[in-house]
Amino acid sequence: MLSRQGYSTHAIGKWHLGFHTEQHLPVRRGFDTFLGFVSSCDQDHFQHRTKSGGYDLRLQYLGAEDEVKDEVLHDMKGVYNADIFTNRTLDLIKSHNPSEPFYTYLAYANVHSPLQAPQEAYDLYTGHLSENTPHERKLVAAMASIVDEGVGRIVAELKKTGLYDN
């Protein structure tokens, strides 16, 4: 629907609307591109592997013949998925022609299990929370902070490019 109105459309992050047939993929549901995972939310935030061992971090788009291009992003192993999703969103904003409309759907996987965060984010909560605070609570706080920081960066870029009030 948005594409027919001239919008550039992008989906980023988790996709829970099906993937068992091609018609369920984001690029068949109205998005020009998709970067994220389609399988489940139980995947490792750094290694992008599901509990069953499959690797699921991908970039999808439609090719010249309207075929689905599906690039598995193995080079992102070790990079925290919220950082990947924030950076993808920022890249799309920076490269977008501001005279044309765009829509980006961003669905972070934080604070889903497994509870994981980069050490520097976790360390923010070791000093001011009680030493009796459960490890899991510190991880959830760190994961939520990462989303807050990412959204803050995105909002700042939208304002910088003049797209915030779009």
C-alpha atoms as a PDB file:
ATOM      1  CA  MET A   1       0.000   0.000   0.000  1.00  0.00           C
ATOM      2  CA  LEU A   2       2.721   2.511   0.941  1.00  0.00           C
ATOM      3  CA  SER A   3       4.873   1.495  -2.025  1.00  0.00           C
ATOM      4  CA  ARG A   4       2.020   2.352  -4.371  1.00  0.00           C
ATOM      5  CA  GLN A   5       2.061   5.854  -2.858  1.00  0.00           C
ATOM      6  CA  GLY A   6       5.760   6.247  -3.670  1.00  0.00           C
ATOM      7  CA  TYR A   7       7.165   5.323  -0.266  1.00  0.00           C
ATOM      8  CA  SER A   8      10.456   3.561   0.205  1.00  0.00           C
ATOM      9  CA  THR A   9       9.690   0.829   2.774  1.00  0.00           C
ATOM     10  CA  HIS A  10      12.046  -1.120   5.017  1.00  0.00           C
ATOM     11  CA  ALA A  11      11.611  -3.714   7.760  1.00  0.00           C
ATOM     12  CA  ILE A  12      14.361  -4.203  10.324  1.00  0.00           C
ATOM     13  CA  GLY A  13      14.661  -6.623  13.237  1.00  0.00           C
ATOM     14  CA  LYS A  14      12.407  -9.471  14.245  1.00  0.00           C
ATOM     15  CA  TRP A  15       9.745 -10.763  11.884  1.00  0.00           C
ATOM     16  CA  HIS A  16       6.983 -12.890  13.377  1.00  0.00           C
ATOM     17  CA  LEU A  17       4.504 -12.883  10.520  1.00  0.00           C
ATOM     18  CA  GLY A  18       5.622 -16.101   8.884  1.00  0.00           C
ATOM     19  CA  PHE A  19       8.433 -17.372   6.704  1.00  0.00           C
ATOM     20  CA  HIS A  20       7.396 -20.879   5.676  1.00  0.00           C
ATOM     21  CA  THR A  21       6.458 -19.738   2.195  1.00  0.00           C
ATOM     22  CA  GLU A  22       7.912 -16.938   0.113  1.00  0.00           C
ATOM     23  CA  GLN A  23       4.623 -15.037   0.306  1.00  0.00           C
ATOM     24  CA  HIS A  24       5.095 -14.650   4.068  1.00  0.00           C
ATOM     25  CA  LEU A  25       8.462 -12.880   3.796  1.00  0.00           C
ATOM     26  CA  PRO A  26       8.698  -9.137   4.496  1.00  0.00           C
ATOM     27  CA  VAL A  27       9.630  -8.321   0.894  1.00  0.00           C
ATOM     28  CA  ARG A  28       6.430 -10.061  -0.234  1.00  0.00           C
ATOM     29  CA  ARG A  29       4.409  -8.174   2.367  1.00  0.00           C
ATOM     30  CA  GLY A  30       5.112  -4.680   1.069  1.00  0.00           C
ATOM     31  CA  PHE A  31       8.686  -3.948   2.172  1.00  0.00           C
ATOM     32  CA  ASP A  32      11.424  -3.050  -0.298  1.00  0.00           C
ATOM     33  CA  THR A  33      14.106  -4.459   1.998  1.00  0.00           C
ATOM     34  CA  PHE A  34      14.386  -6.507   5.166  1.00  0.00           C
ATOM     35  CA  LEU A  35      17.342  -6.895   7.509  1.00  0.00           C
ATOM     36  CA  GLY A  36      16.805  -9.108  10.514  1.00  0.00           C
ATOM     37  CA  PHE A  37      15.662 -12.591  11.412  1.00  0.00           C
ATOM     38  CA  VAL A  38      12.532 -14.508  10.527  1.00  0.00           C
ATOM     39  CA  SER A  39      12.789 -17.656  12.607  1.00  0.00           C
ATOM     40  CA  SER A  40      12.278 -16.854  16.286  1.00  0.00           C
ATOM     41  CA  CYS A  41      13.212 -14.544  19.122  1.00  0.00           C
ATOM     42  CA  ASP A  42      15.209 -17.139  21.003  1.00  0.00           C
ATOM     43  CA  GLN A  43      18.350 -16.509  19.032  1.00  0.00           C
ATOM     44  CA  ASP A  44      21.679 -15.453  20.467  1.00  0.00           C
ATOM     45  CA  HIS A  45      22.008 -11.663  20.262  1.00  0.00           C
ATOM     46  CA  PHE A  46      25.693 -11.884  19.268  1.00  0.00           C
ATOM     47  CA  GLN A  47      26.024 -15.096  17.239  1.00  0.00           C
ATOM     48  CA  HIS A  48      22.546 -14.967  15.621  1.00  0.00           C
ATOM     49  CA  ARG A  49      21.929 -18.680  16.152  1.00  0.00           C
ATOM     50  CA  THR A  50      18.618 -20.117  17.266  1.00  0.00           C
ATOM     51  CA  LYS A  51      18.275 -22.712  20.028  1.00  0.00           C
ATOM     52  CA  SER A  52      18.139 -25.374  17.317  1.00  0.00           C
ATOM     53  CA  GLY A  53      21.502 -24.164  15.957  1.00  0.00           C
ATOM     54  CA  GLY A  54      20.367 -22.439  12.769  1.00  0.00           C
ATOM     55  CA  TYR A  55      21.874 -19.114  11.745  1.00  0.00           C
ATOM     56  CA  ASP A  56      19.309 -16.438  10.968  1.00  0.00           C
ATOM     57  CA  LEU A  57      20.456 -12.920  10.202  1.00  0.00           C
ATOM     58  CA  ARG A  58      19.688 -11.904   6.662  1.00  0.00           C
ATOM     59  CA  LEU A  59      19.191  -9.117   4.176  1.00  0.00           C
ATOM     60  CA  GLN A  60      16.308  -9.604   1.762  1.00  0.00           C
ATOM     61  CA  TYR A  61      15.206  -7.585  -1.241  1.00  0.00           C
ATOM     62  CA  LEU A  62      13.625  -8.188  -4.630  1.00  0.00           C
ATOM     63  CA  GLY A  63      15.825  -8.723  -7.655  1.00  0.00           C
ATOM     64  CA  ALA A  64      15.371  -7.403 -11.184  1.00  0.00           C
ATOM     65  CA  GLU A  65      13.085 -10.320 -12.080  1.00  0.00           C
ATOM     66  CA  ASP A  66      10.986  -9.847  -8.895  1.00  0.00           C
ATOM     67  CA  GLU A  67      12.735 -12.809  -7.282  1.00  0.00           C
ATOM     68  CA  VAL A  68      13.546 -12.761  -3.567  1.00  0.00           C
ATOM     69  CA  LYS A  69      17.230 -12.185  -2.909  1.00  0.00           C
ATOM     70  CA  ASP A  70      18.209 -13.586   0.473  1.00  0.00           C
ATOM     71  CA  GLU A  71      21.711 -12.846   1.737  1.00  0.00           C
ATOM     72  CA  VAL A  72      22.691 -14.552   4.984  1.00  0.00           C
ATOM     73  CA  LEU A  73      24.945 -12.124   6.864  1.00  0.00           C
ATOM     74  CA  HIS A  74      27.584 -14.406   8.373  1.00  0.00           C
ATOM     75  CA  ASP A  75      30.012 -11.485   8.619  1.00  0.00           C
ATOM     76  CA  MET A  76      27.879 -10.047  11.452  1.00  0.00           C
ATOM     77  CA  LYS A  77      28.726 -12.845  13.898  1.00  0.00           C
ATOM     78  CA  GLY A  78      29.825 -11.257  17.147  1.00  0.00           C
ATOM     79  CA  VAL A  79      27.997  -7.956  16.541  1.00  0.00           C
ATOM     80  CA  TYR A  80      25.092  -7.278  18.920  1.00  0.00           C
ATOM     81  CA  ASN A  81      21.847  -7.406  16.961  1.00  0.00           C
ATOM     82  CA  ALA A  82      20.400  -4.163  18.398  1.00  0.00           C
ATOM     83  CA  ASP A  83      23.499  -2.355  17.129  1.00  0.00           C
ATOM     84  CA  ILE A  84      23.046  -3.938  13.695  1.00  0.00           C
ATOM     85  CA  PHE A  85      19.402  -2.833  13.590  1.00  0.00           C
ATOM     86  CA  THR A  86      20.149   0.721  14.774  1.00  0.00           C
ATOM     87  CA  ASN A  87      22.993   1.126  12.285  1.00  0.00           C
ATOM     88  CA  ARG A  88      20.855  -0.169   9.417  1.00  0.00           C
ATOM     89  CA  THR A  89      18.141   2.339  10.302  1.00  0.00           C
ATOM     90  CA  LEU A  90      20.670   5.177  10.472  1.00  0.00           C
ATOM     91  CA  ASP A  91      22.166   4.177   7.107  1.00  0.00           C
ATOM     92  CA  LEU A  92      18.716   4.201   5.506  1.00  0.00           C
ATOM     93  CA  ILE A  93      17.931   7.650   6.919  1.00  0.00           C
ATOM     94  CA  LYS A  94      21.282   9.090   5.808  1.00  0.00           C
ATOM     95  CA  SER A  95      20.977   7.706   2.279  1.00  0.00           C
ATOM     96  CA  HIS A  96      17.320   8.605   1.798  1.00  0.00           C
ATOM     97  CA  ASN A  97      16.278  11.418  -0.530  1.00  0.00           C
ATOM     98  CA  PRO A  98      14.397  13.739   1.861  1.00  0.00           C
ATOM     99  CA  SER A  99      12.035  14.871  -0.895  1.00  0.00           C
ATOM    100  CA  GLU A 100      10.575  11.364  -1.118  1.00  0.00           C
ATOM    101  CA  PRO A 101       8.473   9.597   1.536  1.00  0.00           C
ATOM    102  CA  PHE A 102       9.752   6.574   3.403  1.00  0.00           C
ATOM    103  CA  TYR A 103       8.572   4.162   6.059  1.00  0.00           C
ATOM    104  CA  THR A 104      10.758   2.046   8.299  1.00  0.00           C
ATOM    105  CA  TYR A 105       9.460  -0.647  10.623  1.00  0.00           C
ATOM    106  CA  LEU A 106      12.055  -1.290  13.347  1.00  0.00           C
ATOM    107  CA  ALA A 107      11.446  -4.172  15.766  1.00  0.00           C
ATOM    108  CA  TYR A 108      14.271  -4.690  18.231  1.00  0.00           C
ATOM    109  CA  ALA A 109      14.646  -8.155  19.767  1.00  0.00           C
ATOM    110  CA  ASN A 110      15.508  -6.669  23.161  1.00  0.00           C
ATOM    111  CA  VAL A 111      14.482  -7.656  25.875  1.00  0.00           C
ATOM    112  CA  HIS A 112      13.702 -11.159  24.675  1.00  0.00           C
ATOM    113  CA  SER A 113      15.586 -14.193  25.858  1.00  0.00           C
ATOM    114  CA  PRO A 114      18.286 -15.096  25.867  1.00  0.00           C
ATOM    115  CA  LEU A 115      19.164 -12.225  28.160  1.00  0.00           C
ATOM    116  CA  GLN A 116      22.429 -10.889  26.737  1.00  0.00           C
ATOM    117  CA  ALA A 117      24.068  -7.499  26.534  1.00  0.00           C
ATOM    118  CA  PRO A 118      27.497  -6.127  25.734  1.00  0.00           C
ATOM    119  CA  GLN A 119      29.662  -5.931  28.842  1.00  0.00           C
ATOM    120  CA  GLU A 120      29.914  -2.128  28.715  1.00  0.00           C
ATOM    121  CA  ALA A 121      26.108  -1.828  28.825  1.00  0.00           C
ATOM    122  CA  TYR A 122      25.886  -4.332  31.680  1.00  0.00           C
ATOM    123  CA  ASP A 123      28.581  -2.477  33.608  1.00  0.00           C
ATOM    124  CA  LEU A 124      26.386   0.636  33.706  1.00  0.00           C
ATOM    125  CA  TYR A 125      24.177  -1.215  36.189  1.00  0.00           C
ATOM    126  CA  THR A 126      26.785  -2.750  38.465  1.00  0.00           C
ATOM    127  CA  GLY A 127      27.653   0.477  40.279  1.00  0.00           C
ATOM    128  CA  HIS A 128      24.334   1.980  41.269  1.00  0.00           C
ATOM    129  CA  LEU A 129      22.224  -1.139  41.733  1.00  0.00           C
ATOM    130  CA  SER A 130      22.559  -3.137  44.905  1.00  0.00           C
ATOM    131  CA  GLU A 131      24.962  -6.047  44.857  1.00  0.00           C
ATOM    132  CA  ASN A 132      21.887  -8.121  45.751  1.00  0.00           C
ATOM    133  CA  THR A 133      20.209  -7.126  42.482  1.00  0.00           C
ATOM    134  CA  PRO A 134      19.811 -10.293  40.417  1.00  0.00           C
ATOM    135  CA  HIS A 135      22.110 -10.671  37.404  1.00  0.00           C
ATOM    136  CA  GLU A 136      19.056 -11.081  35.151  1.00  0.00           C
ATOM    137  CA  ARG A 137      17.621  -7.731  36.232  1.00  0.00           C
ATOM    138  CA  LYS A 138      20.888  -5.991  35.346  1.00  0.00           C
ATOM    139  CA  LEU A 139      20.846  -7.682  31.945  1.00  0.00           C
ATOM    140  CA  VAL A 140      17.267  -6.561  31.260  1.00  0.00           C
ATOM    141  CA  ALA A 141      18.198  -3.008  32.294  1.00  0.00           C
ATOM    142  CA  ALA A 142      21.231  -3.078  30.004  1.00  0.00           C
ATOM    143  CA  MET A 143      19.187  -4.426  27.091  1.00  0.00           C
ATOM    144  CA  ALA A 144      16.512  -1.757  27.565  1.00  0.00           C
ATOM    145  CA  SER A 145      19.192   0.943  27.730  1.00  0.00           C
ATOM    146  CA  ILE A 146      20.636  -0.213  24.428  1.00  0.00           C
ATOM    147  CA  VAL A 147      17.233   0.232  22.780  1.00  0.00           C
ATOM    148  CA  ASP A 148      16.848   3.677  24.385  1.00  0.00           C
ATOM    149  CA  GLU A 149      20.279   4.703  23.120  1.00  0.00           C
ATOM    150  CA  GLY A 150      19.525   3.376  19.627  1.00  0.00           C
ATOM    151  CA  VAL A 151      16.182   5.176  19.408  1.00  0.00           C
ATOM    152  CA  GLY A 152      17.882   8.348  20.638  1.00  0.00           C
ATOM    153  CA  ARG A 153      20.460   8.105  17.851  1.00  0.00           C
ATOM    154  CA  ILE A 154      17.711   7.533  15.280  1.00  0.00           C
ATOM    155  CA  VAL A 155      15.658  10.500  16.498  1.00  0.00           C
ATOM    156  CA  ALA A 156      18.769  12.711  16.437  1.00  0.00           C
ATOM    157  CA  GLU A 157      19.485  11.662  12.826  1.00  0.00           C
ATOM    158  CA  LEU A 158      15.885  12.275  11.780  1.00  0.00           C
ATOM    159  CA  LYS A 159      16.095  15.783  13.258  1.00  0.00           C
ATOM    160  CA  LYS A 160      19.495  16.397  11.664  1.00  0.00           C
ATOM    161  CA  THR A 161      18.198  15.443   8.218  1.00  0.00           C
ATOM    162  CA  GLY A 162      14.957  17.359   8.619  1.00  0.00           C
ATOM    163  CA  LEU A 163      12.872  14.201   8.452  1.00  0.00           C
ATOM    164  CA  TYR A 164      11.690  14.180  12.066  1.00  0.00           C
ATOM    165  CA  ASP A 165       8.521  16.138  11.323  1.00  0.00           C
ATOM    166  CA  ASN A 166       7.812  14.158   8.161  1.00  0.00           C
END
